[in-house]
Each structure stands twice: as C-alpha cells, then as structure tokens.
N, C-alpha and C. Protein backbone atom coordinates (compact mmCIF):
# COMPACT_ATOMS: atom_id res chain seq x y z
N UNK A 1 24.47 -1.70 -38.47
CA UNK A 1 23.95 -2.53 -37.41
C UNK A 1 23.80 -1.71 -36.14
N UNK A 2 22.66 -1.85 -35.50
CA UNK A 2 22.45 -1.19 -34.22
C UNK A 2 23.08 -2.06 -33.14
N UNK A 3 24.20 -1.63 -32.61
CA UNK A 3 24.93 -2.47 -31.66
C UNK A 3 24.17 -2.67 -30.36
N UNK A 4 23.15 -1.84 -30.10
CA UNK A 4 22.35 -2.03 -28.89
C UNK A 4 21.63 -3.37 -28.91
N UNK A 5 21.43 -3.95 -30.10
CA UNK A 5 20.79 -5.26 -30.19
C UNK A 5 21.69 -6.36 -29.63
N UNK A 6 22.97 -6.06 -29.45
CA UNK A 6 23.90 -7.03 -28.86
C UNK A 6 23.82 -7.04 -27.33
N UNK A 7 23.12 -6.08 -26.74
CA UNK A 7 22.97 -6.01 -25.29
C UNK A 7 21.74 -6.83 -24.91
N UNK A 8 21.96 -7.91 -24.18
CA UNK A 8 20.90 -8.86 -23.87
C UNK A 8 20.30 -8.67 -22.49
N UNK A 9 19.05 -9.06 -22.37
CA UNK A 9 18.41 -9.17 -21.06
C UNK A 9 18.86 -10.49 -20.44
N UNK A 10 18.54 -10.67 -19.16
CA UNK A 10 18.90 -11.91 -18.48
C UNK A 10 18.24 -13.11 -19.16
N UNK A 11 16.97 -12.98 -19.51
CA UNK A 11 16.26 -14.10 -20.16
C UNK A 11 16.87 -14.43 -21.51
N UNK A 12 17.18 -13.42 -22.30
CA UNK A 12 17.80 -13.66 -23.61
C UNK A 12 19.17 -14.31 -23.44
N UNK A 13 19.91 -13.89 -22.43
CA UNK A 13 21.24 -14.45 -22.19
C UNK A 13 21.14 -15.93 -21.82
N UNK A 14 20.15 -16.27 -21.03
CA UNK A 14 19.99 -17.67 -20.62
C UNK A 14 19.66 -18.57 -21.81
N UNK A 15 19.18 -17.99 -22.87
CA UNK A 15 18.82 -18.77 -24.06
C UNK A 15 20.02 -19.00 -24.99
N UNK A 16 21.16 -18.40 -24.68
CA UNK A 16 22.33 -18.60 -25.53
C UNK A 16 22.75 -20.06 -25.49
N UNK A 17 23.06 -20.58 -26.65
CA UNK A 17 23.46 -21.99 -26.73
C UNK A 17 24.91 -22.09 -27.17
N UNK A 18 25.48 -23.23 -26.90
CA UNK A 18 26.83 -23.50 -27.36
C UNK A 18 27.89 -23.04 -26.39
N UNK A 19 29.11 -23.36 -26.71
CA UNK A 19 30.22 -22.93 -25.84
C UNK A 19 30.36 -21.41 -25.84
N UNK A 20 30.49 -20.87 -24.64
CA UNK A 20 30.63 -19.43 -24.47
C UNK A 20 31.89 -19.11 -23.71
N UNK A 21 32.47 -17.97 -24.04
CA UNK A 21 33.50 -17.37 -23.19
C UNK A 21 32.90 -16.09 -22.67
N UNK A 22 32.95 -15.89 -21.36
CA UNK A 22 32.44 -14.68 -20.74
C UNK A 22 33.62 -13.91 -20.17
N UNK A 23 33.67 -12.62 -20.51
CA UNK A 23 34.71 -11.72 -19.99
C UNK A 23 34.01 -10.69 -19.12
N UNK A 24 34.40 -10.64 -17.85
CA UNK A 24 33.81 -9.66 -16.94
C UNK A 24 34.78 -8.50 -16.76
N UNK A 25 34.22 -7.30 -16.64
CA UNK A 25 35.07 -6.14 -16.44
C UNK A 25 34.25 -4.89 -16.27
N UNK A 26 34.96 -3.79 -16.02
CA UNK A 26 34.30 -2.50 -15.86
C UNK A 26 34.21 -1.76 -17.19
N UNK A 27 35.21 -1.92 -18.03
CA UNK A 27 35.26 -1.30 -19.36
C UNK A 27 35.03 0.22 -19.26
N UNK A 28 35.65 0.82 -18.24
CA UNK A 28 35.53 2.25 -17.99
C UNK A 28 36.93 2.78 -17.72
N UNK A 29 37.48 3.45 -18.49
CA UNK A 29 37.24 3.97 -19.82
C UNK A 29 37.65 2.88 -20.83
N UNK A 30 36.83 2.68 -21.87
CA UNK A 30 37.16 1.68 -22.88
C UNK A 30 38.36 2.17 -23.68
N UNK A 31 39.36 1.30 -23.81
CA UNK A 31 40.60 1.67 -24.48
C UNK A 31 40.94 0.66 -25.55
N UNK A 32 41.84 1.01 -26.43
CA UNK A 32 42.29 0.09 -27.48
C UNK A 32 42.83 -1.20 -26.86
N UNK A 33 43.40 -1.08 -25.68
CA UNK A 33 43.92 -2.24 -24.95
C UNK A 33 42.82 -3.28 -24.70
N UNK A 34 41.61 -2.81 -24.41
CA UNK A 34 40.48 -3.71 -24.22
C UNK A 34 40.22 -4.51 -25.50
N UNK A 35 40.19 -3.82 -26.62
CA UNK A 35 39.92 -4.50 -27.90
C UNK A 35 40.98 -5.56 -28.18
N UNK A 36 42.25 -5.23 -27.93
CA UNK A 36 43.32 -6.20 -28.15
C UNK A 36 43.17 -7.40 -27.21
N UNK A 37 42.87 -7.13 -25.94
CA UNK A 37 42.69 -8.22 -24.98
C UNK A 37 41.52 -9.12 -25.36
N UNK A 38 40.40 -8.51 -25.72
CA UNK A 38 39.23 -9.30 -26.08
C UNK A 38 39.50 -10.15 -27.33
N UNK A 39 40.20 -9.59 -28.28
CA UNK A 39 40.57 -10.35 -29.49
C UNK A 39 41.45 -11.54 -29.12
N UNK A 40 42.42 -11.33 -28.25
CA UNK A 40 43.32 -12.40 -27.82
C UNK A 40 42.55 -13.46 -27.04
N UNK A 41 41.65 -13.04 -26.17
CA UNK A 41 40.84 -13.99 -25.39
C UNK A 41 40.00 -14.84 -26.32
N UNK A 42 39.37 -14.21 -27.30
CA UNK A 42 38.54 -14.94 -28.25
C UNK A 42 39.38 -15.98 -29.00
N UNK A 43 40.55 -15.60 -29.44
CA UNK A 43 41.42 -16.51 -30.17
C UNK A 43 41.86 -17.69 -29.31
N UNK A 44 42.26 -17.40 -28.07
CA UNK A 44 42.72 -18.47 -27.16
C UNK A 44 41.62 -19.41 -26.74
N UNK A 45 40.43 -18.89 -26.51
CA UNK A 45 39.35 -19.71 -25.94
C UNK A 45 38.80 -20.71 -26.94
N UNK A 46 38.76 -20.34 -28.20
CA UNK A 46 38.19 -21.23 -29.20
C UNK A 46 36.68 -21.29 -29.18
N UNK A 47 36.03 -20.61 -28.22
CA UNK A 47 34.57 -20.61 -28.16
C UNK A 47 34.02 -19.73 -29.28
N UNK A 48 32.94 -20.15 -29.90
CA UNK A 48 32.39 -19.35 -31.00
C UNK A 48 31.69 -18.08 -30.55
N UNK A 49 31.35 -17.96 -29.26
CA UNK A 49 30.61 -16.81 -28.77
C UNK A 49 31.36 -16.15 -27.62
N UNK A 50 31.58 -14.83 -27.75
CA UNK A 50 32.24 -14.05 -26.70
C UNK A 50 31.22 -13.08 -26.11
N UNK A 51 31.01 -13.20 -24.80
CA UNK A 51 30.05 -12.37 -24.08
C UNK A 51 30.82 -11.50 -23.09
N UNK A 52 30.54 -10.19 -23.11
CA UNK A 52 31.14 -9.27 -22.15
C UNK A 52 30.11 -8.94 -21.08
N UNK A 53 30.48 -9.10 -19.83
CA UNK A 53 29.62 -8.77 -18.70
C UNK A 53 30.16 -7.50 -18.06
N UNK A 54 29.43 -6.40 -18.23
CA UNK A 54 29.86 -5.09 -17.74
C UNK A 54 29.38 -4.93 -16.30
N UNK A 55 30.34 -4.68 -15.41
CA UNK A 55 30.06 -4.60 -13.97
C UNK A 55 30.02 -3.15 -13.48
N UNK A 56 29.29 -2.90 -12.40
CA UNK A 56 29.30 -1.56 -11.80
C UNK A 56 30.71 -1.21 -11.32
N UNK A 57 31.04 0.08 -11.37
CA UNK A 57 32.37 0.52 -10.97
C UNK A 57 32.25 1.80 -10.16
N UNK A 58 32.66 1.78 -8.89
CA UNK A 58 32.60 3.00 -8.07
C UNK A 58 33.48 4.09 -8.69
N UNK A 59 32.94 5.27 -8.78
CA UNK A 59 33.69 6.37 -9.35
C UNK A 59 33.80 6.31 -10.86
N UNK A 60 32.85 5.64 -11.48
CA UNK A 60 32.88 5.46 -12.93
C UNK A 60 32.91 6.80 -13.67
N UNK A 61 33.56 6.79 -14.82
CA UNK A 61 33.57 7.96 -15.70
C UNK A 61 32.29 7.95 -16.53
N UNK A 62 31.95 6.79 -17.08
CA UNK A 62 30.74 6.62 -17.88
C UNK A 62 29.78 5.70 -17.13
N UNK A 63 28.47 5.97 -17.25
CA UNK A 63 27.52 5.09 -16.57
C UNK A 63 27.54 3.72 -17.23
N UNK A 64 27.03 2.74 -16.53
CA UNK A 64 27.13 1.34 -16.95
C UNK A 64 26.47 1.09 -18.30
N UNK A 65 25.40 1.80 -18.60
CA UNK A 65 24.72 1.60 -19.89
C UNK A 65 25.54 2.16 -21.05
N UNK A 66 26.21 3.29 -20.82
CA UNK A 66 27.09 3.85 -21.85
C UNK A 66 28.27 2.91 -22.10
N UNK A 67 28.82 2.35 -21.01
CA UNK A 67 29.93 1.41 -21.15
C UNK A 67 29.49 0.17 -21.91
N UNK A 68 28.29 -0.31 -21.63
CA UNK A 68 27.78 -1.49 -22.34
C UNK A 68 27.63 -1.19 -23.84
N UNK A 69 27.14 -0.01 -24.18
CA UNK A 69 27.01 0.34 -25.60
C UNK A 69 28.37 0.43 -26.28
N UNK A 70 29.38 0.96 -25.58
CA UNK A 70 30.72 1.04 -26.17
C UNK A 70 31.29 -0.35 -26.41
N UNK A 71 31.14 -1.25 -25.43
CA UNK A 71 31.66 -2.61 -25.59
C UNK A 71 30.91 -3.32 -26.71
N UNK A 72 29.61 -3.10 -26.81
CA UNK A 72 28.81 -3.73 -27.86
C UNK A 72 29.26 -3.28 -29.25
N UNK A 73 29.84 -2.11 -29.33
CA UNK A 73 30.31 -1.60 -30.63
C UNK A 73 31.57 -2.31 -31.12
N UNK A 74 32.22 -3.07 -30.25
CA UNK A 74 33.42 -3.80 -30.66
C UNK A 74 33.02 -5.04 -31.47
N UNK A 75 33.57 -5.18 -32.63
CA UNK A 75 33.25 -6.30 -33.52
C UNK A 75 33.55 -7.65 -32.88
N UNK A 76 34.56 -7.74 -32.06
CA UNK A 76 34.98 -9.01 -31.46
C UNK A 76 33.98 -9.53 -30.42
N UNK A 77 33.14 -8.67 -29.89
CA UNK A 77 32.16 -9.05 -28.85
C UNK A 77 30.84 -9.40 -29.51
N UNK A 78 30.32 -10.59 -29.19
CA UNK A 78 29.04 -11.02 -29.75
C UNK A 78 27.86 -10.47 -28.98
N UNK A 79 27.95 -10.52 -27.64
CA UNK A 79 26.85 -10.07 -26.79
C UNK A 79 27.39 -9.37 -25.56
N UNK A 80 26.55 -8.50 -24.98
CA UNK A 80 26.92 -7.76 -23.78
C UNK A 80 25.80 -7.93 -22.76
N UNK A 81 26.19 -8.12 -21.51
CA UNK A 81 25.25 -8.19 -20.40
C UNK A 81 25.62 -7.09 -19.41
N UNK A 82 24.61 -6.50 -18.78
CA UNK A 82 24.83 -5.41 -17.83
C UNK A 82 24.54 -5.92 -16.43
N UNK A 83 25.53 -5.84 -15.57
CA UNK A 83 25.42 -6.44 -14.23
C UNK A 83 24.47 -5.70 -13.31
N UNK A 84 24.13 -4.46 -13.57
CA UNK A 84 23.18 -3.81 -12.65
C UNK A 84 21.77 -4.34 -12.83
N UNK A 85 21.53 -4.99 -13.95
CA UNK A 85 20.21 -5.59 -14.20
C UNK A 85 20.22 -7.08 -13.88
N UNK A 86 21.37 -7.64 -13.66
CA UNK A 86 21.53 -9.08 -13.50
C UNK A 86 22.40 -9.38 -12.30
N UNK A 87 22.21 -10.49 -11.69
CA UNK A 87 23.10 -10.95 -10.62
C UNK A 87 24.23 -11.72 -11.30
N UNK A 88 25.45 -11.20 -11.30
CA UNK A 88 26.54 -11.81 -12.07
C UNK A 88 26.79 -13.28 -11.76
N UNK A 89 26.85 -13.64 -10.47
CA UNK A 89 27.15 -15.03 -10.14
C UNK A 89 26.06 -15.98 -10.59
N UNK A 90 24.80 -15.59 -10.38
CA UNK A 90 23.68 -16.43 -10.81
C UNK A 90 23.65 -16.54 -12.33
N UNK A 91 23.95 -15.45 -12.99
CA UNK A 91 23.95 -15.48 -14.46
C UNK A 91 25.05 -16.38 -14.98
N UNK A 92 26.25 -16.27 -14.41
CA UNK A 92 27.35 -17.13 -14.84
C UNK A 92 27.00 -18.60 -14.61
N UNK A 93 26.35 -18.86 -13.50
CA UNK A 93 25.95 -20.24 -13.22
C UNK A 93 24.94 -20.73 -14.25
N UNK A 94 24.00 -19.87 -14.63
CA UNK A 94 22.98 -20.26 -15.61
C UNK A 94 23.58 -20.42 -17.01
N UNK A 95 24.54 -19.57 -17.36
CA UNK A 95 25.15 -19.62 -18.70
C UNK A 95 26.09 -20.81 -18.87
N UNK A 96 26.72 -21.19 -17.78
CA UNK A 96 27.69 -22.29 -17.80
C UNK A 96 28.74 -22.11 -18.91
N UNK A 97 29.43 -20.97 -18.90
CA UNK A 97 30.45 -20.74 -19.94
C UNK A 97 31.60 -21.72 -19.79
N UNK A 98 32.24 -22.00 -20.92
CA UNK A 98 33.41 -22.88 -20.84
C UNK A 98 34.59 -22.15 -20.23
N UNK A 99 34.60 -20.81 -20.36
CA UNK A 99 35.68 -20.00 -19.82
C UNK A 99 35.12 -18.68 -19.29
N UNK A 100 35.63 -18.25 -18.14
CA UNK A 100 35.31 -16.93 -17.60
C UNK A 100 36.64 -16.23 -17.35
N UNK A 101 36.78 -15.06 -17.92
CA UNK A 101 37.99 -14.24 -17.74
C UNK A 101 37.57 -12.97 -17.00
N UNK A 102 38.27 -12.66 -15.91
CA UNK A 102 37.97 -11.48 -15.11
C UNK A 102 39.00 -10.38 -15.40
N UNK A 103 38.52 -9.25 -15.88
CA UNK A 103 39.39 -8.11 -16.19
C UNK A 103 39.28 -6.98 -15.17
N UNK A 104 38.51 -7.18 -14.10
CA UNK A 104 38.27 -6.09 -13.16
C UNK A 104 39.54 -5.50 -12.59
N UNK A 105 40.48 -6.31 -12.19
CA UNK A 105 41.73 -5.80 -11.60
C UNK A 105 42.50 -4.96 -12.61
N UNK A 106 42.58 -5.44 -13.85
CA UNK A 106 43.27 -4.67 -14.90
C UNK A 106 42.55 -3.36 -15.18
N UNK A 107 41.21 -3.42 -15.23
CA UNK A 107 40.44 -2.20 -15.49
C UNK A 107 40.64 -1.18 -14.37
N UNK A 108 40.62 -1.63 -13.12
CA UNK A 108 40.82 -0.71 -11.99
C UNK A 108 42.21 -0.09 -12.05
N UNK A 109 43.21 -0.90 -12.38
CA UNK A 109 44.58 -0.39 -12.50
C UNK A 109 44.66 0.66 -13.60
N UNK A 110 44.05 0.38 -14.74
CA UNK A 110 44.07 1.35 -15.85
C UNK A 110 43.42 2.67 -15.45
N UNK A 111 42.30 2.58 -14.75
CA UNK A 111 41.62 3.81 -14.33
C UNK A 111 42.48 4.61 -13.35
N UNK A 112 43.17 3.91 -12.45
CA UNK A 112 44.09 4.62 -11.53
C UNK A 112 45.19 5.32 -12.32
N UNK A 113 45.74 4.63 -13.32
CA UNK A 113 46.82 5.22 -14.13
C UNK A 113 46.33 6.46 -14.87
N UNK A 114 45.13 6.39 -15.42
CA UNK A 114 44.56 7.55 -16.13
C UNK A 114 44.38 8.71 -15.15
N UNK A 115 43.82 8.43 -13.98
CA UNK A 115 43.60 9.47 -12.97
C UNK A 115 44.92 10.11 -12.54
N UNK A 116 45.96 9.29 -12.37
CA UNK A 116 47.27 9.81 -11.97
C UNK A 116 47.85 10.71 -13.06
N UNK A 117 47.70 10.30 -14.32
CA UNK A 117 48.20 11.14 -15.42
C UNK A 117 47.49 12.48 -15.45
N UNK A 118 46.18 12.46 -15.26
CA UNK A 118 45.40 13.69 -15.28
C UNK A 118 45.81 14.59 -14.13
N UNK A 119 45.93 14.02 -12.92
CA UNK A 119 46.35 14.81 -11.76
C UNK A 119 47.76 15.39 -11.99
N UNK A 120 48.64 14.60 -12.60
CA UNK A 120 50.00 15.05 -12.87
C UNK A 120 50.04 16.23 -13.83
N UNK A 121 49.15 16.26 -14.77
CA UNK A 121 49.10 17.36 -15.74
C UNK A 121 48.49 18.62 -15.14
N UNK A 122 47.66 18.43 -14.12
CA UNK A 122 47.00 19.58 -13.48
C UNK A 122 47.91 20.25 -12.46
N UNK A 123 48.94 19.55 -12.03
CA UNK A 123 49.82 20.10 -10.99
C UNK A 123 50.78 21.13 -11.54
C-alpha cells in the first residue's frame, strides 16, 4: 500500500463521514511512543476513524511533508492532514470530530529531551 494515499487534501478531508478522532501534533521526530499513544487514543475514543493532523514545528528535524509520510505509515492512523496546506482551526470545525487530542506539548518536550541527550553526548 502506498501510504501517501492516506494523506488527504482539505477537500478530501471535509468529505470524511462518521465519527472521527483527530490527533494534532508535530510528530518530529516520530518515535515508538507516538505509535503507542495513537493506539491507546484509538482504543479509548471508540471512533472508527483516526486522523492525524501534522502541524508546523519551529526547528523541525524533518520537514512537514516527511513527517506526514512517516505518520501515514503507521497502521493505526487512517488519514493524515498537513497543517501547512490547511488552516487547522477551520478544518477541525469543518470535520466536527467527536474527539480532538493535542500532542503538541508532549512532542515539544520529547524534542527538547532528544536535543539535551545529543548535546550531553557532544560535551
């Protein structure tokens, strides 16, 4: 399966039907922890469709399109949206998900921890 087909345009996303759970985050750097979190979110939400909304991240390691492709490769994620092409708030309003989970704070913390480990090894 070409996982890029899971990355939707704004128009395609607006056509999604049924209960949705949307998870927003930076997903930079994608880690096993993300997969575990997304699996847990899917189980708890009960929604049949899990959508990941990849947001811009200052100082990103991977560009937003690469991050979207990595998230799309996760079996637990049904669809991926890229926030640089879409207005996140307007899109969330149009999608009317039953649940929205924000992972940005956790993602930023993880990136700081990775950066600190790298700096610590270089010292």
